[in-house]
Amino acid sequence: MVNEIIDFEPFTLNDRDAVLDMIKTTHISENYKSGLVNTANWMFGDIVYLEINTIDSAKKALREAEQRLMDARVGASEEDLKKAEFLEQTMLNRLKHRLVRTIEGACPDCIDW
């Protein structure tokens, strides 16, 4: 289980691999784990194909990530959800940080997520 929220700076493929390793070593159901891996791959990879250049587009991308996490939770036990809570929060915080950096003139404190 992840004990702290990790915020990687700057983002690299090694960081993505670290998140994937955290998912793989968290003792949760394989179905939930698979959903988290797919979400992480989207968050740390495929998201670059979205045009994110405004606060509204960043919020939309974050909402999509949150929806993907909710979809991954379907069928997960309460125990699994508790085990992966910090992991999911780490993923979302990292994504927020990354999205802020894509918007010229934005700062983490100026966006009301």
N, C-alpha and C. Protein backbone atom coordinates (compact mmCIF):
# COMPACT_ATOMS: atom_id res chain seq x y z
N MET A 1 0.85 -1.17 0.00
CA MET A 1 0.00 0.00 0.00
C MET A 1 0.90 1.24 0.00
N VAL A 2 0.49 2.25 -0.72
CA VAL A 2 1.24 3.49 -0.80
C VAL A 2 0.97 4.29 0.47
N ASN A 3 2.02 4.79 1.11
CA ASN A 3 1.87 5.47 2.38
C ASN A 3 1.85 6.98 2.28
N GLU A 4 2.22 7.51 1.13
CA GLU A 4 2.21 8.95 0.98
C GLU A 4 1.88 9.32 -0.45
N ILE A 5 1.37 10.51 -0.62
CA ILE A 5 1.04 10.98 -1.95
C ILE A 5 2.33 11.47 -2.58
N ILE A 6 2.62 10.96 -3.76
CA ILE A 6 3.87 11.27 -4.44
C ILE A 6 3.60 12.29 -5.53
N ASP A 7 4.41 13.32 -5.60
CA ASP A 7 4.28 14.33 -6.64
C ASP A 7 5.61 14.40 -7.37
N PHE A 8 5.67 13.82 -8.55
CA PHE A 8 6.91 13.75 -9.29
C PHE A 8 7.18 15.06 -10.01
N GLU A 9 8.43 15.51 -10.00
CA GLU A 9 8.82 16.75 -10.70
C GLU A 9 10.22 16.58 -11.24
N PRO A 10 10.51 16.73 -12.47
CA PRO A 10 9.54 16.82 -13.55
C PRO A 10 9.06 15.44 -13.96
N PHE A 11 8.02 15.37 -14.74
CA PHE A 11 7.44 14.11 -15.16
C PHE A 11 8.33 13.43 -16.19
N THR A 12 8.58 12.15 -16.00
CA THR A 12 9.35 11.35 -16.95
C THR A 12 8.70 9.99 -17.10
N LEU A 13 9.14 9.23 -18.07
CA LEU A 13 8.63 7.86 -18.22
C LEU A 13 8.98 7.01 -17.00
N ASN A 14 10.09 7.31 -16.35
CA ASN A 14 10.43 6.58 -15.13
C ASN A 14 9.38 6.79 -14.05
N ASP A 15 8.81 8.00 -14.01
CA ASP A 15 7.76 8.30 -13.04
C ASP A 15 6.52 7.48 -13.35
N ARG A 16 6.17 7.40 -14.64
CA ARG A 16 5.03 6.58 -15.04
C ARG A 16 5.26 5.14 -14.63
N ASP A 17 6.46 4.67 -14.87
CA ASP A 17 6.79 3.30 -14.50
C ASP A 17 6.70 3.10 -12.99
N ALA A 18 7.08 4.12 -12.23
CA ALA A 18 6.98 4.03 -10.77
C ALA A 18 5.52 3.90 -10.33
N VAL A 19 4.64 4.67 -10.95
CA VAL A 19 3.21 4.57 -10.63
C VAL A 19 2.69 3.19 -11.00
N LEU A 20 3.07 2.71 -12.18
CA LEU A 20 2.63 1.38 -12.59
C LEU A 20 3.15 0.30 -11.63
N ASP A 21 4.38 0.46 -11.16
CA ASP A 21 4.92 -0.49 -10.18
C ASP A 21 4.13 -0.44 -8.87
N MET A 22 3.75 0.78 -8.45
CA MET A 22 2.95 0.90 -7.22
C MET A 22 1.61 0.19 -7.39
N ILE A 23 0.99 0.35 -8.56
CA ILE A 23 -0.28 -0.33 -8.80
C ILE A 23 -0.09 -1.83 -8.74
N LYS A 24 0.93 -2.32 -9.42
CA LYS A 24 1.15 -3.77 -9.51
C LYS A 24 1.49 -4.40 -8.17
N THR A 25 2.09 -3.62 -7.26
CA THR A 25 2.46 -4.18 -5.96
C THR A 25 1.41 -3.94 -4.88
N THR A 26 0.35 -3.23 -5.22
CA THR A 26 -0.75 -3.02 -4.27
C THR A 26 -1.62 -4.28 -4.31
N HIS A 27 -1.93 -4.81 -3.16
CA HIS A 27 -2.68 -6.07 -3.06
C HIS A 27 -4.18 -5.79 -3.19
N ILE A 28 -4.62 -5.72 -4.44
CA ILE A 28 -6.02 -5.51 -4.76
C ILE A 28 -6.42 -6.51 -5.85
N SER A 29 -7.72 -6.59 -6.13
CA SER A 29 -8.18 -7.54 -7.13
C SER A 29 -7.56 -7.24 -8.49
N GLU A 30 -7.40 -8.28 -9.27
CA GLU A 30 -6.78 -8.13 -10.59
C GLU A 30 -7.62 -7.24 -11.51
N ASN A 31 -8.93 -7.31 -11.38
CA ASN A 31 -9.80 -6.50 -12.22
C ASN A 31 -9.61 -5.00 -11.92
N TYR A 32 -9.60 -4.66 -10.64
CA TYR A 32 -9.39 -3.27 -10.22
C TYR A 32 -7.99 -2.82 -10.62
N LYS A 33 -7.01 -3.68 -10.41
CA LYS A 33 -5.63 -3.38 -10.77
C LYS A 33 -5.52 -3.08 -12.26
N SER A 34 -6.17 -3.88 -13.08
CA SER A 34 -6.15 -3.69 -14.52
C SER A 34 -6.77 -2.33 -14.89
N GLY A 35 -7.87 -1.98 -14.25
CA GLY A 35 -8.49 -0.68 -14.49
C GLY A 35 -7.58 0.47 -14.12
N LEU A 36 -6.87 0.34 -13.01
CA LEU A 36 -5.94 1.39 -12.58
C LEU A 36 -4.76 1.51 -13.55
N VAL A 37 -4.27 0.38 -14.03
CA VAL A 37 -3.16 0.40 -15.00
C VAL A 37 -3.61 1.10 -16.27
N ASN A 38 -4.79 0.77 -16.76
CA ASN A 38 -5.31 1.43 -17.96
C ASN A 38 -5.47 2.93 -17.75
N THR A 39 -5.98 3.31 -16.59
CA THR A 39 -6.16 4.73 -16.28
C THR A 39 -4.81 5.43 -16.19
N ALA A 40 -3.85 4.81 -15.53
CA ALA A 40 -2.51 5.41 -15.41
C ALA A 40 -1.87 5.58 -16.78
N ASN A 41 -2.01 4.59 -17.62
CA ASN A 41 -1.45 4.70 -18.97
C ASN A 41 -2.07 5.86 -19.73
N TRP A 42 -3.37 6.06 -19.56
CA TRP A 42 -4.03 7.19 -20.20
C TRP A 42 -3.54 8.51 -19.60
N MET A 43 -3.51 8.57 -18.27
CA MET A 43 -3.13 9.81 -17.58
C MET A 43 -1.69 10.22 -17.88
N PHE A 44 -0.81 9.24 -17.99
CA PHE A 44 0.60 9.54 -18.15
C PHE A 44 1.09 9.31 -19.57
N GLY A 45 0.17 9.11 -20.50
CA GLY A 45 0.58 8.86 -21.87
C GLY A 45 -0.39 9.45 -22.87
N ASP A 46 -1.51 8.77 -23.05
CA ASP A 46 -2.46 9.15 -24.09
C ASP A 46 -3.04 10.55 -23.93
N ILE A 47 -3.04 11.08 -22.74
CA ILE A 47 -3.61 12.41 -22.49
C ILE A 47 -2.91 13.49 -23.31
N VAL A 48 -1.68 13.23 -23.73
CA VAL A 48 -0.96 14.23 -24.53
C VAL A 48 -1.66 14.53 -25.84
N TYR A 49 -2.55 13.64 -26.27
CA TYR A 49 -3.26 13.86 -27.52
C TYR A 49 -4.44 14.82 -27.37
N LEU A 50 -4.80 15.14 -26.14
CA LEU A 50 -5.86 16.13 -25.91
C LEU A 50 -5.27 17.53 -26.04
N GLU A 51 -6.07 18.44 -26.51
CA GLU A 51 -5.62 19.83 -26.60
C GLU A 51 -5.95 20.51 -25.28
N ILE A 52 -4.93 20.65 -24.45
CA ILE A 52 -5.13 21.26 -23.13
C ILE A 52 -4.33 22.55 -23.09
N ASN A 53 -5.03 23.66 -23.24
CA ASN A 53 -4.35 24.95 -23.23
C ASN A 53 -5.13 26.02 -22.49
N THR A 54 -6.23 25.62 -21.86
CA THR A 54 -7.01 26.55 -21.05
C THR A 54 -7.36 25.86 -19.73
N ILE A 55 -7.78 26.65 -18.77
CA ILE A 55 -8.19 26.08 -17.49
C ILE A 55 -9.40 25.17 -17.69
N ASP A 56 -10.33 25.57 -18.53
CA ASP A 56 -11.51 24.73 -18.78
C ASP A 56 -11.12 23.39 -19.41
N SER A 57 -10.19 23.39 -20.35
CA SER A 57 -9.77 22.13 -20.96
C SER A 57 -9.02 21.26 -19.95
N ALA A 58 -8.28 21.88 -19.04
CA ALA A 58 -7.58 21.12 -18.00
C ALA A 58 -8.60 20.49 -17.04
N LYS A 59 -9.62 21.25 -16.68
CA LYS A 59 -10.66 20.71 -15.80
C LYS A 59 -11.39 19.55 -16.47
N LYS A 60 -11.64 19.68 -17.76
CA LYS A 60 -12.31 18.61 -18.51
C LYS A 60 -11.45 17.34 -18.51
N ALA A 61 -10.15 17.49 -18.70
CA ALA A 61 -9.24 16.34 -18.69
C ALA A 61 -9.22 15.70 -17.30
N LEU A 62 -9.22 16.52 -16.26
CA LEU A 62 -9.24 15.98 -14.90
C LEU A 62 -10.53 15.21 -14.64
N ARG A 63 -11.66 15.75 -15.10
CA ARG A 63 -12.94 15.06 -14.93
C ARG A 63 -12.94 13.71 -15.66
N GLU A 64 -12.32 13.68 -16.83
CA GLU A 64 -12.24 12.41 -17.55
C GLU A 64 -11.39 11.41 -16.77
N ALA A 65 -10.29 11.88 -16.20
CA ALA A 65 -9.44 11.00 -15.39
C ALA A 65 -10.21 10.48 -14.18
N GLU A 66 -10.96 11.36 -13.52
CA GLU A 66 -11.76 10.93 -12.37
C GLU A 66 -12.81 9.91 -12.79
N GLN A 67 -13.42 10.11 -13.95
CA GLN A 67 -14.41 9.15 -14.45
C GLN A 67 -13.75 7.80 -14.73
N ARG A 68 -12.56 7.83 -15.30
CA ARG A 68 -11.85 6.58 -15.57
C ARG A 68 -11.52 5.84 -14.27
N LEU A 69 -11.17 6.60 -13.22
CA LEU A 69 -10.91 5.97 -11.93
C LEU A 69 -12.20 5.37 -11.36
N MET A 70 -13.31 6.09 -11.50
CA MET A 70 -14.58 5.55 -11.02
C MET A 70 -14.95 4.27 -11.77
N ASP A 71 -14.72 4.27 -13.08
CA ASP A 71 -14.99 3.07 -13.87
C ASP A 71 -14.11 1.90 -13.42
N ALA A 72 -12.88 2.20 -13.07
CA ALA A 72 -11.96 1.15 -12.61
C ALA A 72 -12.42 0.55 -11.28
N ARG A 73 -13.14 1.34 -10.47
CA ARG A 73 -13.59 0.88 -9.15
C ARG A 73 -14.76 -0.09 -9.20
N VAL A 74 -15.45 -0.17 -10.33
CA VAL A 74 -16.64 -1.01 -10.43
C VAL A 74 -16.31 -2.44 -10.01
N GLY A 75 -17.03 -2.92 -9.02
CA GLY A 75 -16.83 -4.28 -8.54
C GLY A 75 -15.73 -4.45 -7.51
N ALA A 76 -15.00 -3.36 -7.21
CA ALA A 76 -13.92 -3.45 -6.21
C ALA A 76 -14.52 -3.51 -4.81
N SER A 77 -13.87 -4.25 -3.95
CA SER A 77 -14.33 -4.35 -2.56
C SER A 77 -13.94 -3.09 -1.78
N GLU A 78 -14.59 -2.90 -0.65
CA GLU A 78 -14.25 -1.76 0.21
C GLU A 78 -12.79 -1.84 0.64
N GLU A 79 -12.32 -3.03 0.90
CA GLU A 79 -10.92 -3.23 1.30
C GLU A 79 -9.97 -2.78 0.18
N ASP A 80 -10.29 -3.18 -1.06
CA ASP A 80 -9.47 -2.77 -2.20
C ASP A 80 -9.47 -1.26 -2.36
N LEU A 81 -10.65 -0.65 -2.21
CA LEU A 81 -10.75 0.80 -2.36
C LEU A 81 -9.90 1.53 -1.33
N LYS A 82 -9.90 1.02 -0.10
CA LYS A 82 -9.08 1.63 0.95
C LYS A 82 -7.59 1.48 0.64
N LYS A 83 -7.20 0.31 0.16
CA LYS A 83 -5.80 0.05 -0.16
C LYS A 83 -5.29 0.97 -1.27
N ALA A 84 -6.16 1.29 -2.22
CA ALA A 84 -5.74 2.07 -3.38
C ALA A 84 -6.05 3.55 -3.27
N GLU A 85 -6.61 3.99 -2.16
CA GLU A 85 -7.00 5.40 -2.01
C GLU A 85 -5.83 6.36 -2.21
N PHE A 86 -4.72 6.11 -1.54
CA PHE A 86 -3.55 6.99 -1.69
C PHE A 86 -2.98 6.92 -3.09
N LEU A 87 -3.02 5.75 -3.67
CA LEU A 87 -2.53 5.58 -5.03
C LEU A 87 -3.34 6.41 -6.01
N GLU A 88 -4.65 6.35 -5.91
CA GLU A 88 -5.50 7.16 -6.78
C GLU A 88 -5.27 8.65 -6.56
N GLN A 89 -5.14 9.04 -5.31
CA GLN A 89 -4.89 10.45 -5.00
C GLN A 89 -3.56 10.92 -5.56
N THR A 90 -2.56 10.07 -5.49
CA THR A 90 -1.25 10.38 -6.08
C THR A 90 -1.38 10.60 -7.57
N MET A 91 -2.11 9.73 -8.23
CA MET A 91 -2.30 9.85 -9.67
C MET A 91 -3.00 11.16 -10.03
N LEU A 92 -4.06 11.50 -9.30
CA LEU A 92 -4.80 12.73 -9.59
C LEU A 92 -3.97 13.98 -9.30
N ASN A 93 -3.25 13.97 -8.19
CA ASN A 93 -2.42 15.14 -7.85
C ASN A 93 -1.33 15.34 -8.90
N ARG A 94 -0.74 14.27 -9.34
CA ARG A 94 0.30 14.36 -10.37
C ARG A 94 -0.28 14.90 -11.67
N LEU A 95 -1.47 14.44 -12.02
CA LEU A 95 -2.12 14.92 -13.23
C LEU A 95 -2.45 16.41 -13.13
N LYS A 96 -2.95 16.84 -11.98
CA LYS A 96 -3.24 18.27 -11.80
C LYS A 96 -1.98 19.10 -12.01
N HIS A 97 -0.90 18.66 -11.41
CA HIS A 97 0.36 19.38 -11.53
C HIS A 97 0.80 19.46 -12.99
N ARG A 98 0.67 18.34 -13.67
CA ARG A 98 1.05 18.28 -15.08
C ARG A 98 0.16 19.19 -15.93
N LEU A 99 -1.15 19.20 -15.66
CA LEU A 99 -2.07 20.03 -16.42
C LEU A 99 -1.79 21.52 -16.21
N VAL A 100 -1.48 21.90 -14.98
CA VAL A 100 -1.17 23.31 -14.69
C VAL A 100 0.02 23.76 -15.53
N ARG A 101 1.02 22.89 -15.66
CA ARG A 101 2.22 23.25 -16.43
C ARG A 101 1.94 23.43 -17.92
N THR A 102 0.82 22.87 -18.42
CA THR A 102 0.51 23.00 -19.84
C THR A 102 -0.18 24.31 -20.18
N ILE A 103 -0.63 25.04 -19.16
CA ILE A 103 -1.38 26.28 -19.39
C ILE A 103 -0.49 27.46 -19.09
N GLU A 104 -0.22 28.26 -20.09
CA GLU A 104 0.65 29.41 -19.93
C GLU A 104 0.07 30.36 -18.89
N GLY A 105 0.91 30.73 -17.92
CA GLY A 105 0.53 31.70 -16.90
C GLY A 105 -0.28 31.12 -15.74
N ALA A 106 -0.57 29.84 -15.77
CA ALA A 106 -1.37 29.23 -14.69
C ALA A 106 -0.48 28.84 -13.53
N CYS A 107 -1.07 28.80 -12.36
CA CYS A 107 -0.36 28.33 -11.16
C CYS A 107 -1.29 27.38 -10.42
N PRO A 108 -0.74 26.46 -9.63
CA PRO A 108 -1.57 25.48 -8.95
C PRO A 108 -2.64 26.11 -8.06
N ASP A 109 -2.33 27.22 -7.45
CA ASP A 109 -3.27 27.85 -6.52
C ASP A 109 -4.34 28.68 -7.22
N CYS A 110 -4.18 28.96 -8.52
CA CYS A 110 -5.15 29.81 -9.20
C CYS A 110 -6.26 29.02 -9.90
N ILE A 111 -6.20 27.70 -9.82
CA ILE A 111 -7.25 26.88 -10.45
C ILE A 111 -8.09 26.24 -9.37
N ASP A 112 -9.40 26.48 -9.46
CA ASP A 112 -10.35 25.88 -8.54
C ASP A 112 -10.82 24.55 -9.15
N TRP A 113 -10.11 23.48 -8.83
CA TRP A 113 -10.42 22.19 -9.42
C TRP A 113 -11.78 21.74 -8.98
